[in-house]
Amino acid sequence: MSQPRIEIKKVGDITIAVTLDMKLNDDLSIQEWGDQLIALLEDTACRKLLVSFERVLFMSSSALRALITLNKNAKESKAVLILCGIDDNIMEAFRITRLDSVFTIKANEDEGIKTFA
């Protein structure tokens, strides 16, 4: 059994997945993290997913690829995906790769929750 990479919280019909790892740079942990997020989308009750990165200080390109896969799955399952709490250094990678225009990204959980309203 893999270890939990996310902590799940619910606010109304919004599922909040808090990323527990401070660094998303190891392929195995990224795979587990991505699988756990995708499993949330496979739960038909999860149509509003907020992924929090408030603890994350580093994210590799493999983690970005996992997010692109998650985004594709969200669209296929008609779910809304919002990211929040991304460190400034990581945001720079989102800007360089133009992923900041692909994802809805908010400063923190509260802003993310308000976006669903």
N, C-alpha and C. Protein backbone atom coordinates (compact mmCIF):
# COMPACT_ATOMS: atom_id res chain seq x y z
N MET A 1 0.85 -1.19 0.00
CA MET A 1 0.00 0.00 0.00
C MET A 1 0.88 1.24 0.00
N SER A 2 0.59 2.15 -0.90
CA SER A 2 1.38 3.38 -0.95
C SER A 2 0.95 4.32 0.17
N GLN A 3 1.85 5.22 0.52
CA GLN A 3 1.51 6.15 1.61
C GLN A 3 0.66 7.29 1.05
N PRO A 4 -0.18 7.87 1.91
CA PRO A 4 -1.01 8.99 1.45
C PRO A 4 -0.13 10.18 1.06
N ARG A 5 -0.39 10.72 -0.10
CA ARG A 5 0.33 11.90 -0.59
C ARG A 5 -0.54 13.14 -0.51
N ILE A 6 -1.83 12.92 -0.22
CA ILE A 6 -2.77 14.04 -0.10
C ILE A 6 -3.63 13.85 1.14
N GLU A 7 -4.09 14.96 1.66
CA GLU A 7 -5.05 14.95 2.78
C GLU A 7 -6.34 15.53 2.20
N ILE A 8 -7.44 14.83 2.43
CA ILE A 8 -8.71 15.24 1.85
C ILE A 8 -9.55 16.01 2.87
N LYS A 9 -10.09 17.14 2.41
CA LYS A 9 -11.03 17.91 3.22
C LYS A 9 -12.24 18.18 2.33
N LYS A 10 -13.39 18.39 2.93
CA LYS A 10 -14.59 18.74 2.18
C LYS A 10 -15.11 20.07 2.71
N VAL A 11 -15.49 20.95 1.78
CA VAL A 11 -16.19 22.18 2.13
C VAL A 11 -17.42 22.19 1.23
N GLY A 12 -18.55 21.83 1.78
CA GLY A 12 -19.76 21.69 0.96
C GLY A 12 -19.54 20.62 -0.09
N ASP A 13 -19.73 20.98 -1.37
CA ASP A 13 -19.53 20.01 -2.44
C ASP A 13 -18.14 20.12 -3.07
N ILE A 14 -17.25 20.86 -2.41
CA ILE A 14 -15.88 21.03 -2.91
C ILE A 14 -14.96 20.05 -2.18
N THR A 15 -14.18 19.30 -2.95
CA THR A 15 -13.17 18.41 -2.38
C THR A 15 -11.84 19.14 -2.44
N ILE A 16 -11.19 19.26 -1.28
CA ILE A 16 -9.87 19.91 -1.22
C ILE A 16 -8.83 18.82 -0.97
N ALA A 17 -7.86 18.75 -1.87
CA ALA A 17 -6.77 17.79 -1.75
C ALA A 17 -5.50 18.57 -1.41
N VAL A 18 -5.05 18.44 -0.16
CA VAL A 18 -3.85 19.14 0.27
C VAL A 18 -2.66 18.23 0.02
N THR A 19 -1.72 18.70 -0.80
CA THR A 19 -0.53 17.93 -1.10
C THR A 19 0.36 17.91 0.14
N LEU A 20 0.73 16.70 0.60
CA LEU A 20 1.49 16.57 1.84
C LEU A 20 3.00 16.68 1.65
N ASP A 21 3.49 16.29 0.48
CA ASP A 21 4.95 16.32 0.24
C ASP A 21 5.44 17.76 0.09
N MET A 22 6.61 18.04 0.69
CA MET A 22 7.21 19.36 0.51
C MET A 22 7.91 19.45 -0.84
N LYS A 23 8.38 18.28 -1.33
CA LYS A 23 9.04 18.24 -2.63
C LYS A 23 8.38 17.16 -3.48
N LEU A 24 7.94 17.54 -4.65
CA LEU A 24 7.39 16.59 -5.62
C LEU A 24 8.46 16.40 -6.69
N ASN A 25 9.45 15.57 -6.36
CA ASN A 25 10.57 15.41 -7.29
C ASN A 25 10.99 13.96 -7.50
N ASP A 26 10.35 13.05 -6.83
CA ASP A 26 10.71 11.64 -6.94
C ASP A 26 9.60 10.95 -7.73
N ASP A 27 9.98 10.22 -8.78
CA ASP A 27 8.98 9.66 -9.70
C ASP A 27 7.95 8.78 -9.01
N LEU A 28 8.35 7.97 -8.05
CA LEU A 28 7.40 7.10 -7.37
C LEU A 28 6.38 7.92 -6.58
N SER A 29 6.85 8.89 -5.82
CA SER A 29 5.90 9.69 -5.02
C SER A 29 4.99 10.52 -5.94
N ILE A 30 5.51 11.00 -7.06
CA ILE A 30 4.68 11.75 -8.01
C ILE A 30 3.62 10.84 -8.60
N GLN A 31 4.00 9.61 -8.94
CA GLN A 31 3.04 8.65 -9.49
C GLN A 31 1.92 8.38 -8.47
N GLU A 32 2.30 8.13 -7.22
CA GLU A 32 1.32 7.87 -6.16
C GLU A 32 0.41 9.09 -5.97
N TRP A 33 1.01 10.28 -5.94
CA TRP A 33 0.27 11.53 -5.76
C TRP A 33 -0.74 11.71 -6.89
N GLY A 34 -0.27 11.55 -8.13
CA GLY A 34 -1.14 11.69 -9.28
C GLY A 34 -2.27 10.67 -9.27
N ASP A 35 -1.93 9.42 -8.94
CA ASP A 35 -2.95 8.36 -8.88
C ASP A 35 -4.01 8.67 -7.83
N GLN A 36 -3.57 9.19 -6.68
CA GLN A 36 -4.52 9.51 -5.61
C GLN A 36 -5.45 10.66 -6.02
N LEU A 37 -4.93 11.63 -6.77
CA LEU A 37 -5.77 12.73 -7.24
C LEU A 37 -6.76 12.24 -8.30
N ILE A 38 -6.28 11.41 -9.21
CA ILE A 38 -7.16 10.87 -10.26
C ILE A 38 -8.26 10.00 -9.63
N ALA A 39 -7.90 9.25 -8.59
CA ALA A 39 -8.90 8.42 -7.90
C ALA A 39 -10.03 9.29 -7.34
N LEU A 40 -9.71 10.50 -6.89
CA LEU A 40 -10.75 11.41 -6.40
C LEU A 40 -11.73 11.75 -7.52
N LEU A 41 -11.21 12.00 -8.71
CA LEU A 41 -12.08 12.33 -9.84
C LEU A 41 -12.95 11.16 -10.25
N GLU A 42 -12.45 9.95 -10.02
CA GLU A 42 -13.23 8.76 -10.37
C GLU A 42 -14.41 8.56 -9.42
N ASP A 43 -14.35 9.24 -8.28
CA ASP A 43 -15.47 9.25 -7.35
C ASP A 43 -16.50 10.24 -7.94
N THR A 44 -17.65 9.72 -8.35
CA THR A 44 -18.62 10.57 -9.05
C THR A 44 -19.11 11.74 -8.21
N ALA A 45 -18.92 11.70 -6.90
CA ALA A 45 -19.34 12.81 -6.05
C ALA A 45 -18.37 13.98 -6.14
N CYS A 46 -17.17 13.75 -6.69
CA CYS A 46 -16.15 14.81 -6.77
C CYS A 46 -16.21 15.50 -8.12
N ARG A 47 -16.89 16.65 -8.16
CA ARG A 47 -16.97 17.43 -9.40
C ARG A 47 -16.33 18.80 -9.24
N LYS A 48 -15.93 19.11 -8.02
CA LYS A 48 -15.21 20.37 -7.75
C LYS A 48 -13.97 19.99 -6.94
N LEU A 49 -12.80 20.06 -7.59
CA LEU A 49 -11.56 19.64 -6.94
C LEU A 49 -10.60 20.82 -6.84
N LEU A 50 -10.20 21.11 -5.60
CA LEU A 50 -9.22 22.16 -5.32
C LEU A 50 -7.96 21.46 -4.81
N VAL A 51 -6.86 21.60 -5.54
CA VAL A 51 -5.61 20.98 -5.13
C VAL A 51 -4.72 22.06 -4.53
N SER A 52 -4.36 21.87 -3.25
CA SER A 52 -3.56 22.86 -2.53
C SER A 52 -2.08 22.44 -2.51
N PHE A 53 -1.24 23.42 -2.81
CA PHE A 53 0.22 23.20 -2.81
C PHE A 53 0.89 24.04 -1.74
N GLU A 54 0.15 24.41 -0.68
CA GLU A 54 0.70 25.34 0.30
C GLU A 54 1.94 24.81 1.03
N ARG A 55 2.10 23.48 1.08
CA ARG A 55 3.29 22.90 1.74
C ARG A 55 4.43 22.63 0.77
N VAL A 56 4.15 22.71 -0.53
CA VAL A 56 5.11 22.28 -1.55
C VAL A 56 6.12 23.39 -1.86
N LEU A 57 7.41 23.04 -1.75
CA LEU A 57 8.48 24.01 -2.02
C LEU A 57 9.18 23.74 -3.34
N PHE A 58 9.04 22.51 -3.86
CA PHE A 58 9.68 22.16 -5.12
C PHE A 58 8.81 21.18 -5.89
N MET A 59 8.74 21.37 -7.20
CA MET A 59 7.94 20.49 -8.04
C MET A 59 8.72 20.24 -9.33
N SER A 60 8.95 18.98 -9.67
CA SER A 60 9.69 18.65 -10.89
C SER A 60 8.77 18.70 -12.10
N SER A 61 9.38 18.57 -13.28
CA SER A 61 8.59 18.55 -14.51
C SER A 61 7.68 17.32 -14.55
N SER A 62 8.07 16.24 -13.89
CA SER A 62 7.20 15.05 -13.82
C SER A 62 5.91 15.37 -13.08
N ALA A 63 6.00 16.20 -12.04
CA ALA A 63 4.80 16.60 -11.30
C ALA A 63 3.91 17.47 -12.18
N LEU A 64 4.52 18.33 -13.00
CA LEU A 64 3.73 19.15 -13.91
C LEU A 64 3.00 18.26 -14.92
N ARG A 65 3.69 17.23 -15.42
CA ARG A 65 3.04 16.29 -16.35
C ARG A 65 1.87 15.58 -15.67
N ALA A 66 2.04 15.22 -14.40
CA ALA A 66 0.95 14.56 -13.66
C ALA A 66 -0.25 15.51 -13.55
N LEU A 67 0.01 16.80 -13.37
CA LEU A 67 -1.07 17.78 -13.30
C LEU A 67 -1.79 17.92 -14.64
N ILE A 68 -1.04 17.85 -15.73
CA ILE A 68 -1.65 17.93 -17.06
C ILE A 68 -2.58 16.73 -17.26
N THR A 69 -2.14 15.55 -16.83
CA THR A 69 -2.97 14.34 -16.91
C THR A 69 -4.22 14.50 -16.05
N LEU A 70 -4.05 15.04 -14.84
CA LEU A 70 -5.18 15.27 -13.94
C LEU A 70 -6.18 16.23 -14.59
N ASN A 71 -5.67 17.28 -15.22
CA ASN A 71 -6.53 18.26 -15.87
C ASN A 71 -7.34 17.60 -17.00
N LYS A 72 -6.69 16.74 -17.77
CA LYS A 72 -7.36 16.02 -18.85
C LYS A 72 -8.48 15.14 -18.28
N ASN A 73 -8.17 14.43 -17.20
CA ASN A 73 -9.18 13.57 -16.56
C ASN A 73 -10.33 14.39 -16.00
N ALA A 74 -10.02 15.57 -15.45
CA ALA A 74 -11.06 16.44 -14.90
C ALA A 74 -12.02 16.87 -16.02
N LYS A 75 -11.46 17.27 -17.15
CA LYS A 75 -12.30 17.68 -18.28
C LYS A 75 -13.17 16.51 -18.76
N GLU A 76 -12.58 15.32 -18.85
CA GLU A 76 -13.33 14.14 -19.31
C GLU A 76 -14.46 13.79 -18.37
N SER A 77 -14.27 14.01 -17.07
CA SER A 77 -15.31 13.66 -16.10
C SER A 77 -16.19 14.87 -15.76
N LYS A 78 -16.03 15.95 -16.52
CA LYS A 78 -16.84 17.18 -16.33
C LYS A 78 -16.67 17.77 -14.93
N ALA A 79 -15.46 17.65 -14.39
CA ALA A 79 -15.16 18.22 -13.08
C ALA A 79 -14.41 19.54 -13.27
N VAL A 80 -14.50 20.40 -12.27
CA VAL A 80 -13.76 21.66 -12.28
C VAL A 80 -12.54 21.49 -11.38
N LEU A 81 -11.38 21.81 -11.93
CA LEU A 81 -10.12 21.68 -11.20
C LEU A 81 -9.52 23.06 -10.99
N ILE A 82 -9.20 23.36 -9.74
CA ILE A 82 -8.53 24.62 -9.41
C ILE A 82 -7.31 24.29 -8.56
N LEU A 83 -6.21 24.99 -8.81
CA LEU A 83 -4.99 24.82 -8.02
C LEU A 83 -4.82 26.05 -7.13
N CYS A 84 -4.20 25.86 -5.95
CA CYS A 84 -3.97 27.02 -5.08
C CYS A 84 -2.71 26.84 -4.25
N GLY A 85 -2.25 27.94 -3.70
CA GLY A 85 -1.13 27.93 -2.77
C GLY A 85 0.20 27.57 -3.40
N ILE A 86 0.40 27.95 -4.65
CA ILE A 86 1.64 27.59 -5.34
C ILE A 86 2.74 28.60 -5.01
N ASP A 87 3.88 28.08 -4.57
CA ASP A 87 5.05 28.89 -4.23
C ASP A 87 5.49 29.72 -5.44
N ASP A 88 6.02 30.92 -5.17
CA ASP A 88 6.43 31.83 -6.26
C ASP A 88 7.43 31.18 -7.22
N ASN A 89 8.39 30.43 -6.69
CA ASN A 89 9.39 29.79 -7.54
C ASN A 89 8.75 28.75 -8.45
N ILE A 90 7.78 28.02 -7.93
CA ILE A 90 7.07 27.02 -8.74
C ILE A 90 6.18 27.73 -9.76
N MET A 91 5.57 28.84 -9.37
CA MET A 91 4.74 29.62 -10.30
C MET A 91 5.55 30.04 -11.51
N GLU A 92 6.82 30.32 -11.30
CA GLU A 92 7.68 30.72 -12.41
C GLU A 92 7.72 29.60 -13.47
N ALA A 93 7.80 28.36 -13.02
CA ALA A 93 7.78 27.22 -13.95
C ALA A 93 6.44 27.15 -14.69
N PHE A 94 5.34 27.45 -14.00
CA PHE A 94 4.02 27.47 -14.64
C PHE A 94 3.98 28.56 -15.72
N ARG A 95 4.59 29.72 -15.41
CA ARG A 95 4.59 30.81 -16.40
C ARG A 95 5.45 30.46 -17.62
N ILE A 96 6.65 29.93 -17.37
CA ILE A 96 7.57 29.59 -18.46
C ILE A 96 6.93 28.56 -19.40
N THR A 97 6.25 27.58 -18.83
CA THR A 97 5.64 26.52 -19.64
C THR A 97 4.23 26.91 -20.12
N ARG A 98 3.79 28.10 -19.76
CA ARG A 98 2.46 28.61 -20.10
C ARG A 98 1.32 27.80 -19.46
N LEU A 99 1.65 27.02 -18.45
CA LEU A 99 0.61 26.26 -17.74
C LEU A 99 -0.26 27.18 -16.89
N ASP A 100 0.23 28.39 -16.62
CA ASP A 100 -0.60 29.34 -15.86
C ASP A 100 -1.83 29.75 -16.67
N SER A 101 -1.80 29.55 -18.00
CA SER A 101 -2.98 29.86 -18.81
C SER A 101 -3.86 28.63 -19.00
N VAL A 102 -3.35 27.45 -18.64
CA VAL A 102 -4.11 26.20 -18.76
C VAL A 102 -4.95 25.96 -17.51
N PHE A 103 -4.35 26.26 -16.36
CA PHE A 103 -5.00 25.99 -15.07
C PHE A 103 -5.57 27.27 -14.46
N THR A 104 -6.63 27.10 -13.66
CA THR A 104 -7.12 28.18 -12.81
C THR A 104 -6.30 28.08 -11.53
N ILE A 105 -5.55 29.13 -11.21
CA ILE A 105 -4.66 29.12 -10.06
C ILE A 105 -5.02 30.28 -9.14
N LYS A 106 -5.24 29.96 -7.87
CA LYS A 106 -5.60 30.97 -6.87
C LYS A 106 -4.53 31.01 -5.78
N ALA A 107 -4.48 32.14 -5.06
CA ALA A 107 -3.43 32.36 -4.07
C ALA A 107 -3.50 31.37 -2.91
N ASN A 108 -4.72 31.05 -2.45
CA ASN A 108 -4.86 30.18 -1.28
C ASN A 108 -6.19 29.44 -1.33
N GLU A 109 -6.43 28.59 -0.34
CA GLU A 109 -7.65 27.78 -0.31
C GLU A 109 -8.91 28.64 -0.31
N ASP A 110 -8.93 29.71 0.49
CA ASP A 110 -10.12 30.56 0.56
C ASP A 110 -10.47 31.14 -0.80
N GLU A 111 -9.45 31.64 -1.53
CA GLU A 111 -9.68 32.19 -2.86
C GLU A 111 -10.18 31.09 -3.80
N GLY A 112 -9.59 29.91 -3.69
CA GLY A 112 -10.02 28.79 -4.53
C GLY A 112 -11.46 28.41 -4.28
N ILE A 113 -11.85 28.34 -3.02
CA ILE A 113 -13.23 27.99 -2.65
C ILE A 113 -14.21 29.02 -3.21
N LYS A 114 -13.84 30.32 -3.09
CA LYS A 114 -14.71 31.38 -3.60
C LYS A 114 -14.88 31.28 -5.12
N THR A 115 -13.88 30.79 -5.82
CA THR A 115 -13.93 30.70 -7.28
C THR A 115 -15.00 29.72 -7.74
N PHE A 116 -15.28 28.69 -6.93
CA PHE A 116 -16.30 27.71 -7.29
C PHE A 116 -17.71 28.28 -7.18
N ALA A 117 -17.87 29.31 -6.34
CA ALA A 117 -19.21 29.85 -6.05
C ALA A 117 -19.89 30.44 -7.27
